[in-house]
Amino acid sequence: MPAFRGFRVRTFRQARAALAERTLRGRVFHFVPWKGVAGVFLPAHEFPADAAALEAAWAGAGAPLPHPPGPGEALLFGEILRVRPLFAGAEDTWREGGELFLAYRRRPDAEALAARVEAFRRGALLARAEAILAGWEGRLARRPAGLAVWPRLRNRTLGQCMRSGEIRLNPRLADWPAGILEETLAHEAAHLLEFNHSPRFWRALGALLPDWLPRSLVHYLA
């Protein structure tokens, strides 16, 4: 299927993995509005998804718009926010509903505006990551030594666990729905216990986030 509702459709057939924890047993759909791509992930024995299955998945995903943020818009955890510059006595940034307000002392140029939006997105990413880790308190074998947004990570590398215990996050995680950030954090937190992809690692990941597999497939579309 070449297209669906403005999305380019890419199908990935998942071969049976050596570990039972990594076997995909059902079809999974991911929509990437800012790239206009729909990814369909199928077990090895299934036929490609038809239009009816895509339609159901599209509705279940909240009918995402197949376009990147336009002028005056910003993307945060899968939601498009309207950017509202204001002129006030002090500089500040805050969100109200679906709008992101940027207060300035003087009229900013486009580069300064984009920098403020990106700074807000990265701050929101770190805050959400900290909140997720706090919710796992008592379940983590080891807390990370630190969290950092790391722009130099490759696109498909959404997270990285360092030997020092620091977890680095790709700033593009602010684009994906927050569930993808949760999966990335769970994966890297499991590396704090087991710095490889051994059976012990996958068991630790599954214990922390049982439904990690469907979320992890977004790495194919990053």
N, C-alpha and C. Protein backbone atom coordinates (compact mmCIF):
# COMPACT_ATOMS: atom_id res chain seq x y z
N MET A 1 0.86 -1.19 0.00
CA MET A 1 0.00 0.00 0.00
C MET A 1 0.90 1.24 0.00
N PRO A 2 0.88 2.06 -1.07
CA PRO A 2 1.82 3.18 -1.17
C PRO A 2 1.49 4.36 -0.27
N ALA A 3 0.20 4.58 0.03
CA ALA A 3 -0.16 5.76 0.81
C ALA A 3 -1.47 5.52 1.56
N PHE A 4 -1.64 6.28 2.66
CA PHE A 4 -2.87 6.21 3.44
C PHE A 4 -3.08 7.55 4.11
N ARG A 5 -4.15 8.25 3.74
CA ARG A 5 -4.50 9.53 4.36
C ARG A 5 -3.33 10.52 4.39
N GLY A 6 -2.54 10.52 3.36
CA GLY A 6 -1.41 11.45 3.28
C GLY A 6 -0.12 10.89 3.85
N PHE A 7 -0.17 9.71 4.51
CA PHE A 7 1.03 9.08 5.04
C PHE A 7 1.63 8.13 4.01
N ARG A 8 2.95 8.11 3.91
CA ARG A 8 3.65 7.05 3.19
C ARG A 8 3.68 5.83 4.11
N VAL A 9 3.31 4.68 3.59
CA VAL A 9 3.21 3.48 4.40
C VAL A 9 4.46 2.62 4.19
N ARG A 10 5.13 2.30 5.30
CA ARG A 10 6.29 1.41 5.26
C ARG A 10 5.97 0.18 6.10
N THR A 11 6.19 -0.99 5.51
CA THR A 11 5.88 -2.24 6.20
C THR A 11 7.17 -2.95 6.59
N PHE A 12 7.23 -3.41 7.83
CA PHE A 12 8.39 -4.12 8.34
C PHE A 12 7.93 -5.49 8.83
N ARG A 13 8.52 -6.55 8.30
CA ARG A 13 8.17 -7.90 8.72
C ARG A 13 9.20 -8.36 9.75
N GLN A 14 8.71 -8.74 10.91
CA GLN A 14 9.60 -9.11 12.01
C GLN A 14 9.83 -10.61 12.05
N ALA A 15 11.07 -11.02 11.83
CA ALA A 15 11.42 -12.43 11.94
C ALA A 15 11.37 -12.85 13.42
N ARG A 16 11.19 -14.13 13.67
CA ARG A 16 11.13 -14.62 15.04
C ARG A 16 12.50 -14.45 15.69
N ALA A 17 12.57 -13.75 16.79
CA ALA A 17 13.84 -13.50 17.46
C ALA A 17 14.25 -14.72 18.28
N ALA A 18 15.52 -14.76 18.64
CA ALA A 18 16.04 -15.89 19.42
C ALA A 18 15.44 -15.90 20.82
N LEU A 19 15.15 -14.71 21.36
CA LEU A 19 14.60 -14.63 22.71
C LEU A 19 13.10 -14.47 22.67
N ALA A 20 12.41 -15.24 23.50
CA ALA A 20 10.95 -15.14 23.52
C ALA A 20 10.49 -13.74 23.89
N GLU A 21 11.29 -13.03 24.71
CA GLU A 21 10.92 -11.69 25.14
C GLU A 21 10.86 -10.71 23.99
N ARG A 22 11.54 -11.01 22.88
CA ARG A 22 11.64 -10.06 21.77
C ARG A 22 10.74 -10.43 20.59
N THR A 23 9.92 -11.46 20.73
CA THR A 23 9.10 -11.92 19.61
C THR A 23 7.85 -11.06 19.48
N LEU A 24 7.62 -10.55 18.28
CA LEU A 24 6.43 -9.74 18.02
C LEU A 24 5.30 -10.69 17.63
N ARG A 25 4.23 -10.68 18.41
CA ARG A 25 3.13 -11.63 18.18
C ARG A 25 1.92 -11.00 17.48
N GLY A 26 1.85 -9.70 17.40
CA GLY A 26 0.72 -9.06 16.75
C GLY A 26 1.18 -7.85 15.97
N ARG A 27 0.36 -7.40 15.04
CA ARG A 27 0.74 -6.23 14.24
C ARG A 27 0.70 -4.97 15.09
N VAL A 28 1.59 -4.05 14.78
CA VAL A 28 1.71 -2.79 15.51
C VAL A 28 1.82 -1.68 14.48
N PHE A 29 1.15 -0.55 14.73
CA PHE A 29 1.18 0.60 13.84
C PHE A 29 1.78 1.79 14.57
N HIS A 30 2.60 2.56 13.86
CA HIS A 30 3.09 3.83 14.40
C HIS A 30 2.94 4.89 13.31
N PHE A 31 2.42 6.05 13.70
CA PHE A 31 2.30 7.18 12.78
C PHE A 31 3.29 8.26 13.19
N VAL A 32 3.96 8.83 12.21
CA VAL A 32 4.97 9.86 12.47
C VAL A 32 4.53 11.13 11.73
N PRO A 33 3.74 12.00 12.38
CA PRO A 33 3.18 13.16 11.67
C PRO A 33 4.23 14.07 11.07
N TRP A 34 5.35 14.31 11.77
CA TRP A 34 6.31 15.28 11.24
C TRP A 34 7.10 14.75 10.06
N LYS A 35 7.00 13.42 9.77
CA LYS A 35 7.65 12.85 8.60
C LYS A 35 6.64 12.35 7.57
N GLY A 36 5.34 12.32 7.96
CA GLY A 36 4.32 11.83 7.04
C GLY A 36 4.46 10.36 6.74
N VAL A 37 4.91 9.56 7.72
CA VAL A 37 5.15 8.13 7.52
C VAL A 37 4.30 7.32 8.48
N ALA A 38 3.72 6.23 8.00
CA ALA A 38 3.06 5.24 8.85
C ALA A 38 3.87 3.96 8.77
N GLY A 39 4.28 3.44 9.92
CA GLY A 39 5.02 2.18 9.96
C GLY A 39 4.10 1.05 10.39
N VAL A 40 4.09 -0.04 9.63
CA VAL A 40 3.29 -1.21 9.97
C VAL A 40 4.26 -2.35 10.26
N PHE A 41 4.23 -2.86 11.48
CA PHE A 41 5.15 -3.91 11.92
C PHE A 41 4.37 -5.22 12.05
N LEU A 42 4.81 -6.24 11.31
CA LEU A 42 4.07 -7.49 11.24
C LEU A 42 4.92 -8.66 11.70
N PRO A 43 4.31 -9.65 12.38
CA PRO A 43 5.03 -10.90 12.64
C PRO A 43 5.37 -11.59 11.31
N ALA A 44 6.31 -12.51 11.36
CA ALA A 44 6.81 -13.13 10.13
C ALA A 44 5.71 -13.82 9.32
N HIS A 45 4.67 -14.34 10.00
CA HIS A 45 3.67 -15.15 9.30
C HIS A 45 2.50 -14.34 8.76
N GLU A 46 2.43 -13.02 9.04
CA GLU A 46 1.25 -12.24 8.65
C GLU A 46 1.40 -11.62 7.28
N PHE A 47 0.25 -11.36 6.65
CA PHE A 47 0.23 -10.64 5.38
C PHE A 47 0.26 -9.14 5.67
N PRO A 48 0.64 -8.32 4.68
CA PRO A 48 0.63 -6.86 4.90
C PRO A 48 -0.74 -6.36 5.32
N ALA A 49 -0.74 -5.29 6.08
CA ALA A 49 -1.99 -4.73 6.60
C ALA A 49 -2.81 -4.12 5.46
N ASP A 50 -4.12 -4.22 5.57
CA ASP A 50 -4.99 -3.64 4.55
C ASP A 50 -5.49 -2.27 5.02
N ALA A 51 -6.28 -1.62 4.18
CA ALA A 51 -6.76 -0.26 4.48
C ALA A 51 -7.63 -0.23 5.72
N ALA A 52 -8.44 -1.26 5.94
CA ALA A 52 -9.32 -1.29 7.11
C ALA A 52 -8.51 -1.32 8.41
N ALA A 53 -7.42 -2.10 8.43
CA ALA A 53 -6.59 -2.17 9.62
C ALA A 53 -5.90 -0.84 9.86
N LEU A 54 -5.44 -0.20 8.80
CA LEU A 54 -4.81 1.11 8.93
C LEU A 54 -5.81 2.15 9.42
N GLU A 55 -7.02 2.09 8.93
CA GLU A 55 -8.06 3.02 9.35
C GLU A 55 -8.34 2.89 10.85
N ALA A 56 -8.41 1.66 11.33
CA ALA A 56 -8.66 1.43 12.76
C ALA A 56 -7.50 1.94 13.60
N ALA A 57 -6.27 1.69 13.13
CA ALA A 57 -5.09 2.15 13.87
C ALA A 57 -5.01 3.67 13.86
N TRP A 58 -5.36 4.29 12.74
CA TRP A 58 -5.33 5.75 12.62
C TRP A 58 -6.30 6.38 13.61
N ALA A 59 -7.50 5.80 13.71
CA ALA A 59 -8.49 6.32 14.66
C ALA A 59 -8.00 6.11 16.10
N GLY A 60 -7.40 4.95 16.36
CA GLY A 60 -6.90 4.67 17.69
C GLY A 60 -5.74 5.56 18.11
N ALA A 61 -5.00 6.06 17.12
CA ALA A 61 -3.87 6.95 17.40
C ALA A 61 -4.31 8.41 17.55
N GLY A 62 -5.61 8.65 17.50
CA GLY A 62 -6.11 10.01 17.65
C GLY A 62 -6.13 10.80 16.36
N ALA A 63 -6.19 10.09 15.22
CA ALA A 63 -6.27 10.73 13.91
C ALA A 63 -5.18 11.80 13.73
N PRO A 64 -3.90 11.42 13.80
CA PRO A 64 -2.83 12.42 13.70
C PRO A 64 -2.77 13.07 12.33
N LEU A 65 -2.41 14.35 12.31
CA LEU A 65 -2.29 15.07 11.05
C LEU A 65 -0.98 14.68 10.37
N PRO A 66 -1.01 14.33 9.08
CA PRO A 66 0.20 13.88 8.40
C PRO A 66 1.06 15.03 7.89
N HIS A 67 1.48 15.91 8.79
CA HIS A 67 2.37 16.99 8.37
C HIS A 67 3.22 17.44 9.55
N PRO A 68 4.40 17.99 9.27
CA PRO A 68 5.24 18.52 10.35
C PRO A 68 4.67 19.83 10.87
N PRO A 69 5.17 20.32 12.01
CA PRO A 69 4.72 21.63 12.49
C PRO A 69 5.00 22.71 11.46
N GLY A 70 4.05 23.59 11.25
CA GLY A 70 4.23 24.68 10.29
C GLY A 70 4.74 25.93 10.98
N PRO A 71 4.79 27.03 10.26
CA PRO A 71 5.21 28.30 10.87
C PRO A 71 4.32 28.65 12.06
N GLY A 72 4.95 29.03 13.16
CA GLY A 72 4.18 29.39 14.35
C GLY A 72 3.68 28.20 15.13
N GLU A 73 4.21 27.00 14.86
CA GLU A 73 3.80 25.80 15.59
C GLU A 73 5.02 25.07 16.15
N ALA A 74 4.81 24.30 17.20
CA ALA A 74 5.87 23.50 17.80
C ALA A 74 5.29 22.14 18.17
N LEU A 75 6.13 21.12 18.14
CA LEU A 75 5.70 19.76 18.45
C LEU A 75 6.23 19.37 19.83
N LEU A 76 5.35 18.84 20.68
CA LEU A 76 5.76 18.40 22.01
C LEU A 76 5.00 17.14 22.37
N PHE A 77 5.72 16.03 22.48
CA PHE A 77 5.16 14.73 22.84
C PHE A 77 3.96 14.37 21.96
N GLY A 78 4.14 14.55 20.65
CA GLY A 78 3.12 14.16 19.69
C GLY A 78 1.99 15.15 19.51
N GLU A 79 2.04 16.28 20.18
CA GLU A 79 0.97 17.28 20.10
C GLU A 79 1.50 18.57 19.46
N ILE A 80 0.72 19.13 18.56
CA ILE A 80 1.09 20.40 17.93
C ILE A 80 0.65 21.55 18.83
N LEU A 81 1.59 22.43 19.18
CA LEU A 81 1.30 23.62 19.99
C LEU A 81 1.42 24.87 19.12
N ARG A 82 0.54 25.81 19.33
CA ARG A 82 0.60 27.10 18.63
C ARG A 82 1.54 28.02 19.41
N VAL A 83 2.56 28.55 18.76
CA VAL A 83 3.54 29.42 19.41
C VAL A 83 3.03 30.86 19.39
N ARG A 84 2.97 31.50 20.56
CA ARG A 84 2.44 32.85 20.71
C ARG A 84 3.51 33.78 21.30
N PRO A 85 4.24 34.54 20.49
CA PRO A 85 5.19 35.52 21.04
C PRO A 85 4.44 36.70 21.66
N LEU A 86 4.91 37.17 22.81
CA LEU A 86 4.33 38.31 23.49
C LEU A 86 5.45 39.30 23.81
N PHE A 87 5.09 40.56 23.98
CA PHE A 87 6.07 41.58 24.35
C PHE A 87 5.71 42.09 25.73
N ALA A 88 6.63 41.83 26.68
CA ALA A 88 6.35 42.15 28.09
C ALA A 88 7.62 42.68 28.73
N GLY A 89 7.53 42.97 30.02
CA GLY A 89 8.67 43.55 30.71
C GLY A 89 9.75 42.55 31.04
N ALA A 90 9.42 41.26 31.05
CA ALA A 90 10.40 40.23 31.38
C ALA A 90 10.25 39.06 30.41
N GLU A 91 11.34 38.34 30.19
CA GLU A 91 11.30 37.19 29.29
C GLU A 91 10.86 35.96 30.07
N ASP A 92 9.96 35.20 29.49
CA ASP A 92 9.44 34.01 30.14
C ASP A 92 8.84 33.10 29.08
N THR A 93 8.67 31.82 29.42
CA THR A 93 8.08 30.84 28.52
C THR A 93 7.14 29.97 29.33
N TRP A 94 5.92 29.77 28.84
CA TRP A 94 4.99 28.88 29.53
C TRP A 94 3.97 28.35 28.54
N ARG A 95 3.33 27.27 28.98
CA ARG A 95 2.31 26.63 28.15
C ARG A 95 0.95 26.75 28.79
N GLU A 96 -0.06 27.03 27.98
CA GLU A 96 -1.46 27.02 28.41
C GLU A 96 -2.25 26.23 27.38
N GLY A 97 -2.71 25.04 27.77
CA GLY A 97 -3.46 24.21 26.83
C GLY A 97 -2.62 23.88 25.61
N GLY A 98 -3.17 24.19 24.44
CA GLY A 98 -2.47 23.90 23.19
C GLY A 98 -1.63 25.06 22.68
N GLU A 99 -1.30 26.01 23.56
CA GLU A 99 -0.51 27.17 23.13
C GLU A 99 0.76 27.30 23.98
N LEU A 100 1.83 27.74 23.32
CA LEU A 100 3.11 27.97 23.97
C LEU A 100 3.40 29.47 23.88
N PHE A 101 3.46 30.14 25.03
CA PHE A 101 3.66 31.59 25.08
C PHE A 101 5.12 31.91 25.35
N LEU A 102 5.67 32.82 24.56
CA LEU A 102 7.05 33.28 24.70
C LEU A 102 7.03 34.79 24.91
N ALA A 103 7.39 35.22 26.10
CA ALA A 103 7.40 36.65 26.40
C ALA A 103 8.79 37.22 26.14
N TYR A 104 8.84 38.36 25.46
CA TYR A 104 10.09 39.03 25.10
C TYR A 104 10.06 40.49 25.51
N ARG A 105 11.25 41.03 25.75
CA ARG A 105 11.37 42.47 25.98
C ARG A 105 11.35 43.23 24.65
N ARG A 106 11.93 42.60 23.63
CA ARG A 106 11.97 43.23 22.30
C ARG A 106 11.68 42.17 21.26
N ARG A 107 11.30 42.61 20.08
CA ARG A 107 10.90 41.68 19.01
C ARG A 107 12.05 40.75 18.65
N PRO A 108 11.84 39.42 18.72
CA PRO A 108 12.92 38.48 18.41
C PRO A 108 12.99 38.19 16.91
N ASP A 109 14.18 37.75 16.44
CA ASP A 109 14.26 37.27 15.08
C ASP A 109 13.89 35.79 15.06
N ALA A 110 13.80 35.20 13.87
CA ALA A 110 13.33 33.81 13.74
C ALA A 110 14.27 32.85 14.45
N GLU A 111 15.57 33.11 14.40
CA GLU A 111 16.54 32.21 15.04
C GLU A 111 16.39 32.21 16.56
N ALA A 112 16.21 33.40 17.14
CA ALA A 112 16.03 33.48 18.59
C ALA A 112 14.73 32.81 19.01
N LEU A 113 13.69 32.96 18.22
CA LEU A 113 12.40 32.34 18.52
C LEU A 113 12.53 30.82 18.51
N ALA A 114 13.21 30.29 17.48
CA ALA A 114 13.38 28.84 17.39
C ALA A 114 14.21 28.31 18.56
N ALA A 115 15.22 29.07 18.98
CA ALA A 115 16.06 28.64 20.10
C ALA A 115 15.26 28.57 21.39
N ARG A 116 14.37 29.55 21.61
CA ARG A 116 13.55 29.54 22.82
C ARG A 116 12.58 28.35 22.82
N VAL A 117 12.00 28.07 21.66
CA VAL A 117 11.08 26.93 21.56
C VAL A 117 11.82 25.63 21.85
N GLU A 118 13.02 25.48 21.27
CA GLU A 118 13.78 24.25 21.48
C GLU A 118 14.23 24.12 22.93
N ALA A 119 14.60 25.22 23.57
CA ALA A 119 14.97 25.18 24.98
C ALA A 119 13.79 24.74 25.84
N PHE A 120 12.60 25.20 25.52
CA PHE A 120 11.41 24.79 26.26
C PHE A 120 11.16 23.30 26.06
N ARG A 121 11.27 22.82 24.82
CA ARG A 121 11.04 21.40 24.52
C ARG A 121 12.03 20.51 25.29
N ARG A 122 13.28 20.91 25.31
CA ARG A 122 14.28 20.10 26.01
C ARG A 122 14.07 20.13 27.51
N GLY A 123 13.66 21.27 28.04
CA GLY A 123 13.35 21.33 29.46
C GLY A 123 12.15 20.46 29.80
N ALA A 124 11.13 20.46 28.92
CA ALA A 124 9.97 19.62 29.14
C ALA A 124 10.33 18.14 29.05
N LEU A 125 11.26 17.81 28.16
CA LEU A 125 11.71 16.43 28.02
C LEU A 125 12.40 15.95 29.29
N LEU A 126 13.30 16.76 29.83
CA LEU A 126 13.99 16.37 31.06
C LEU A 126 13.02 16.27 32.24
N ALA A 127 12.09 17.22 32.32
CA ALA A 127 11.12 17.19 33.42
C ALA A 127 10.25 15.94 33.35
N ARG A 128 9.80 15.58 32.13
CA ARG A 128 8.98 14.37 31.98
C ARG A 128 9.79 13.12 32.31
N ALA A 129 11.06 13.10 31.90
CA ALA A 129 11.92 11.95 32.20
C ALA A 129 12.11 11.79 33.71
N GLU A 130 12.34 12.90 34.40
CA GLU A 130 12.49 12.85 35.86
C GLU A 130 11.22 12.34 36.52
N ALA A 131 10.07 12.76 36.02
CA ALA A 131 8.80 12.32 36.60
C ALA A 131 8.59 10.83 36.39
N ILE A 132 8.98 10.32 35.22
CA ILE A 132 8.84 8.89 34.95
C ILE A 132 9.73 8.09 35.90
N LEU A 133 10.97 8.52 36.05
CA LEU A 133 11.90 7.82 36.95
C LEU A 133 11.39 7.87 38.40
N ALA A 134 10.83 9.00 38.81
CA ALA A 134 10.28 9.11 40.17
C ALA A 134 9.14 8.11 40.37
N GLY A 135 8.35 7.89 39.33
CA GLY A 135 7.27 6.92 39.42
C GLY A 135 7.75 5.48 39.52
N TRP A 136 8.98 5.24 39.12
CA TRP A 136 9.56 3.91 39.21
C TRP A 136 10.36 3.71 40.49
N GLU A 137 10.33 4.66 41.38
CA GLU A 137 11.10 4.56 42.63
C GLU A 137 10.74 3.27 43.35
N GLY A 138 11.74 2.54 43.77
CA GLY A 138 11.51 1.25 44.42
C GLY A 138 11.54 0.09 43.46
N ARG A 139 11.38 0.35 42.15
CA ARG A 139 11.44 -0.71 41.14
C ARG A 139 12.76 -0.70 40.40
N LEU A 140 13.48 0.40 40.49
CA LEU A 140 14.76 0.50 39.80
C LEU A 140 15.86 -0.17 40.62
N ALA A 141 16.62 -1.03 39.97
CA ALA A 141 17.75 -1.65 40.66
C ALA A 141 18.83 -0.62 40.97
N ARG A 142 18.90 0.40 40.14
CA ARG A 142 19.89 1.46 40.32
C ARG A 142 19.39 2.71 39.63
N ARG A 143 19.41 3.82 40.32
CA ARG A 143 19.02 5.08 39.70
C ARG A 143 20.17 5.60 38.84
N PRO A 144 19.84 6.27 37.72
CA PRO A 144 20.91 6.83 36.90
C PRO A 144 21.69 7.90 37.66
N ALA A 145 22.97 8.02 37.31
CA ALA A 145 23.80 9.05 37.94
C ALA A 145 23.41 10.44 37.47
N GLY A 146 22.74 10.52 36.33
CA GLY A 146 22.31 11.81 35.81
C GLY A 146 21.52 11.62 34.52
N LEU A 147 20.82 12.66 34.13
CA LEU A 147 20.06 12.68 32.87
C LEU A 147 20.54 13.88 32.06
N ALA A 148 20.65 13.70 30.75
CA ALA A 148 21.07 14.81 29.89
C ALA A 148 20.43 14.65 28.51
N VAL A 149 20.06 15.77 27.91
CA VAL A 149 19.64 15.77 26.51
C VAL A 149 20.90 15.92 25.67
N TRP A 150 21.07 15.03 24.72
CA TRP A 150 22.33 14.93 23.98
C TRP A 150 22.05 15.06 22.49
N PRO A 151 22.19 16.26 21.92
CA PRO A 151 21.83 16.48 20.51
C PRO A 151 22.66 15.66 19.52
N ARG A 152 23.85 15.20 19.92
CA ARG A 152 24.72 14.53 18.96
C ARG A 152 24.41 13.04 18.79
N LEU A 153 23.39 12.53 19.47
CA LEU A 153 22.99 11.14 19.25
C LEU A 153 22.43 10.97 17.85
N ARG A 154 22.73 9.84 17.22
CA ARG A 154 22.18 9.57 15.89
C ARG A 154 20.66 9.46 15.98
N ASN A 155 19.99 9.72 14.84
CA ASN A 155 18.53 9.76 14.84
C ASN A 155 17.90 8.52 15.45
N ARG A 156 18.37 7.33 15.07
CA ARG A 156 17.73 6.11 15.55
C ARG A 156 18.18 5.73 16.95
N THR A 157 19.18 6.41 17.48
CA THR A 157 19.60 6.19 18.86
C THR A 157 18.84 7.17 19.74
N LEU A 158 17.72 6.73 20.28
CA LEU A 158 16.88 7.62 21.07
C LEU A 158 17.39 7.79 22.49
N GLY A 159 18.21 6.84 22.96
CA GLY A 159 18.79 6.95 24.29
C GLY A 159 20.11 6.22 24.37
N GLN A 160 20.89 6.54 25.38
CA GLN A 160 22.20 5.93 25.54
C GLN A 160 22.54 5.88 27.03
N CYS A 161 23.00 4.74 27.49
CA CYS A 161 23.43 4.59 28.88
C CYS A 161 24.95 4.56 28.90
N MET A 162 25.56 5.44 29.69
CA MET A 162 27.01 5.52 29.78
C MET A 162 27.52 4.66 30.93
N ARG A 163 28.79 4.28 30.84
CA ARG A 163 29.40 3.49 31.91
C ARG A 163 29.37 4.24 33.25
N SER A 164 29.34 5.56 33.16
CA SER A 164 29.29 6.37 34.38
C SER A 164 27.94 6.29 35.08
N GLY A 165 26.93 5.74 34.38
CA GLY A 165 25.59 5.69 34.94
C GLY A 165 24.69 6.82 34.45
N GLU A 166 25.23 7.71 33.62
CA GLU A 166 24.41 8.79 33.05
C GLU A 166 23.58 8.25 31.89
N ILE A 167 22.34 8.70 31.79
CA ILE A 167 21.47 8.37 30.66
C ILE A 167 21.34 9.61 29.79
N ARG A 168 21.63 9.43 28.50
CA ARG A 168 21.53 10.53 27.55
C ARG A 168 20.32 10.32 26.66
N LEU A 169 19.58 11.38 26.43
CA LEU A 169 18.34 11.31 25.67
C LEU A 169 18.46 12.12 24.38
N ASN A 170 17.98 11.55 23.29
CA ASN A 170 17.92 12.27 22.02
C ASN A 170 16.84 13.35 22.12
N PRO A 171 17.15 14.61 21.75
CA PRO A 171 16.12 15.66 21.83
C PRO A 171 14.88 15.36 21.01
N ARG A 172 14.98 14.47 20.02
CA ARG A 172 13.80 14.13 19.21
C ARG A 172 12.76 13.36 20.02
N LEU A 173 13.12 12.88 21.21
CA LEU A 173 12.12 12.24 22.06
C LEU A 173 11.01 13.22 22.45
N ALA A 174 11.28 14.52 22.35
CA ALA A 174 10.23 15.51 22.60
C ALA A 174 9.20 15.52 21.48
N ASP A 175 9.51 14.91 20.34
CA ASP A 175 8.55 14.81 19.23
C ASP A 175 7.57 13.66 19.44
N TRP A 176 8.09 12.53 19.92
CA TRP A 176 7.27 11.33 20.05
C TRP A 176 6.28 11.46 21.21
N PRO A 177 5.18 10.68 21.19
CA PRO A 177 4.34 10.60 22.39
C PRO A 177 5.16 10.16 23.59
N ALA A 178 4.75 10.55 24.77
CA ALA A 178 5.53 10.32 25.98
C ALA A 178 5.79 8.84 26.25
N GLY A 179 4.95 7.96 25.73
CA GLY A 179 5.17 6.53 25.92
C GLY A 179 6.47 6.05 25.31
N ILE A 180 6.95 6.73 24.27
CA ILE A 180 8.21 6.35 23.64
C ILE A 180 9.37 6.77 24.54
N LEU A 181 9.25 7.92 25.19
CA LEU A 181 10.25 8.33 26.17
C LEU A 181 10.31 7.32 27.31
N GLU A 182 9.15 6.85 27.76
CA GLU A 182 9.10 5.88 28.85
C GLU A 182 9.82 4.60 28.45
N GLU A 183 9.60 4.13 27.21
CA GLU A 183 10.28 2.91 26.75
C GLU A 183 11.78 3.12 26.67
N THR A 184 12.21 4.27 26.17
CA THR A 184 13.63 4.57 26.06
C THR A 184 14.29 4.59 27.44
N LEU A 185 13.64 5.24 28.40
CA LEU A 185 14.17 5.28 29.76
C LEU A 185 14.24 3.88 30.38
N ALA A 186 13.21 3.07 30.16
CA ALA A 186 13.22 1.72 30.71
C ALA A 186 14.38 0.91 30.13
N HIS A 187 14.60 1.05 28.82
CA HIS A 187 15.69 0.33 28.16
C HIS A 187 17.04 0.73 28.76
N GLU A 188 17.26 2.03 28.87
CA GLU A 188 18.55 2.50 29.39
C GLU A 188 18.69 2.20 30.88
N ALA A 189 17.60 2.25 31.63
CA ALA A 189 17.66 1.91 33.06
C ALA A 189 17.99 0.44 33.26
N ALA A 190 17.50 -0.43 32.35
CA ALA A 190 17.86 -1.84 32.43
C ALA A 190 19.35 -2.05 32.18
N HIS A 191 19.94 -1.17 31.37
CA HIS A 191 21.39 -1.25 31.14
C HIS A 191 22.18 -0.90 32.40
N LEU A 192 21.59 -0.15 33.30
CA LEU A 192 22.28 0.14 34.56
C LEU A 192 22.50 -1.13 35.37
N LEU A 193 21.63 -2.12 35.15
CA LEU A 193 21.74 -3.41 35.82
C LEU A 193 22.61 -4.37 35.01
N GLU A 194 22.43 -4.37 33.70
CA GLU A 194 23.11 -5.31 32.81
C GLU A 194 23.54 -4.55 31.56
N PHE A 195 24.87 -4.32 31.43
CA PHE A 195 25.35 -3.46 30.36
C PHE A 195 25.57 -4.26 29.06
N ASN A 196 24.52 -4.97 28.64
CA ASN A 196 24.54 -5.75 27.41
C ASN A 196 23.10 -6.10 27.06
N HIS A 197 22.88 -6.97 26.09
CA HIS A 197 21.54 -7.41 25.74
C HIS A 197 21.39 -8.91 26.00
N SER A 198 21.80 -9.33 27.18
CA SER A 198 21.70 -10.72 27.59
C SER A 198 20.26 -11.03 28.01
N PRO A 199 19.92 -12.32 28.20
CA PRO A 199 18.57 -12.65 28.71
C PRO A 199 18.24 -11.92 30.00
N ARG A 200 19.23 -11.73 30.87
CA ARG A 200 18.98 -11.01 32.13
C ARG A 200 18.55 -9.57 31.85
N PHE A 201 19.14 -8.95 30.84
CA PHE A 201 18.75 -7.58 30.48
C PHE A 201 17.28 -7.55 30.05
N TRP A 202 16.88 -8.46 29.14
CA TRP A 202 15.50 -8.42 28.63
C TRP A 202 14.50 -8.72 29.74
N ARG A 203 14.88 -9.58 30.67
CA ARG A 203 13.99 -9.84 31.81
C ARG A 203 13.84 -8.59 32.67
N ALA A 204 14.93 -7.86 32.88
CA ALA A 204 14.87 -6.63 33.67
C ALA A 204 14.00 -5.59 32.98
N LEU A 205 14.15 -5.48 31.66
CA LEU A 205 13.33 -4.52 30.90
C LEU A 205 11.85 -4.90 30.96
N GLY A 206 11.56 -6.19 30.78
CA GLY A 206 10.17 -6.64 30.82
C GLY A 206 9.53 -6.44 32.19
N ALA A 207 10.33 -6.58 33.24
CA ALA A 207 9.80 -6.37 34.59
C ALA A 207 9.47 -4.91 34.83
N LEU A 208 10.28 -4.02 34.25
CA LEU A 208 10.06 -2.58 34.44
C LEU A 208 8.94 -2.05 33.55
N LEU A 209 8.86 -2.57 32.31
CA LEU A 209 7.86 -2.08 31.35
C LEU A 209 7.40 -3.26 30.50
N PRO A 210 6.37 -3.98 30.92
CA PRO A 210 5.96 -5.21 30.20
C PRO A 210 5.63 -5.00 28.73
N ASP A 211 5.07 -3.84 28.36
CA ASP A 211 4.69 -3.63 26.95
C ASP A 211 5.75 -2.82 26.19
N TRP A 212 7.01 -3.05 26.50
CA TRP A 212 8.09 -2.27 25.88
C TRP A 212 8.20 -2.52 24.38
N LEU A 213 7.89 -3.74 23.90
CA LEU A 213 8.20 -4.08 22.52
C LEU A 213 7.47 -3.23 21.48
N PRO A 214 6.13 -3.09 21.55
CA PRO A 214 5.48 -2.25 20.53
C PRO A 214 6.01 -0.82 20.51
N ARG A 215 6.37 -0.30 21.68
CA ARG A 215 6.88 1.07 21.72
C ARG A 215 8.27 1.16 21.10
N SER A 216 9.08 0.11 21.27
CA SER A 216 10.47 0.17 20.80
C SER A 216 10.58 0.19 19.29
N LEU A 217 9.54 -0.19 18.57
CA LEU A 217 9.61 -0.27 17.12
C LEU A 217 9.75 1.10 16.45
N VAL A 218 9.51 2.17 17.18
CA VAL A 218 9.64 3.50 16.57
C VAL A 218 11.08 3.78 16.16
N HIS A 219 12.05 3.01 16.66
CA HIS A 219 13.45 3.21 16.26
C HIS A 219 13.59 2.99 14.75
N TYR A 220 12.73 2.17 14.16
CA TYR A 220 12.78 1.95 12.73
C TYR A 220 12.40 3.22 11.96
N LEU A 221 11.59 4.05 12.56
CA LEU A 221 11.04 5.22 11.87
C LEU A 221 11.70 6.52 12.30
N ALA A 222 12.61 6.47 13.24
CA ALA A 222 13.23 7.69 13.76
C ALA A 222 14.01 8.42 12.69
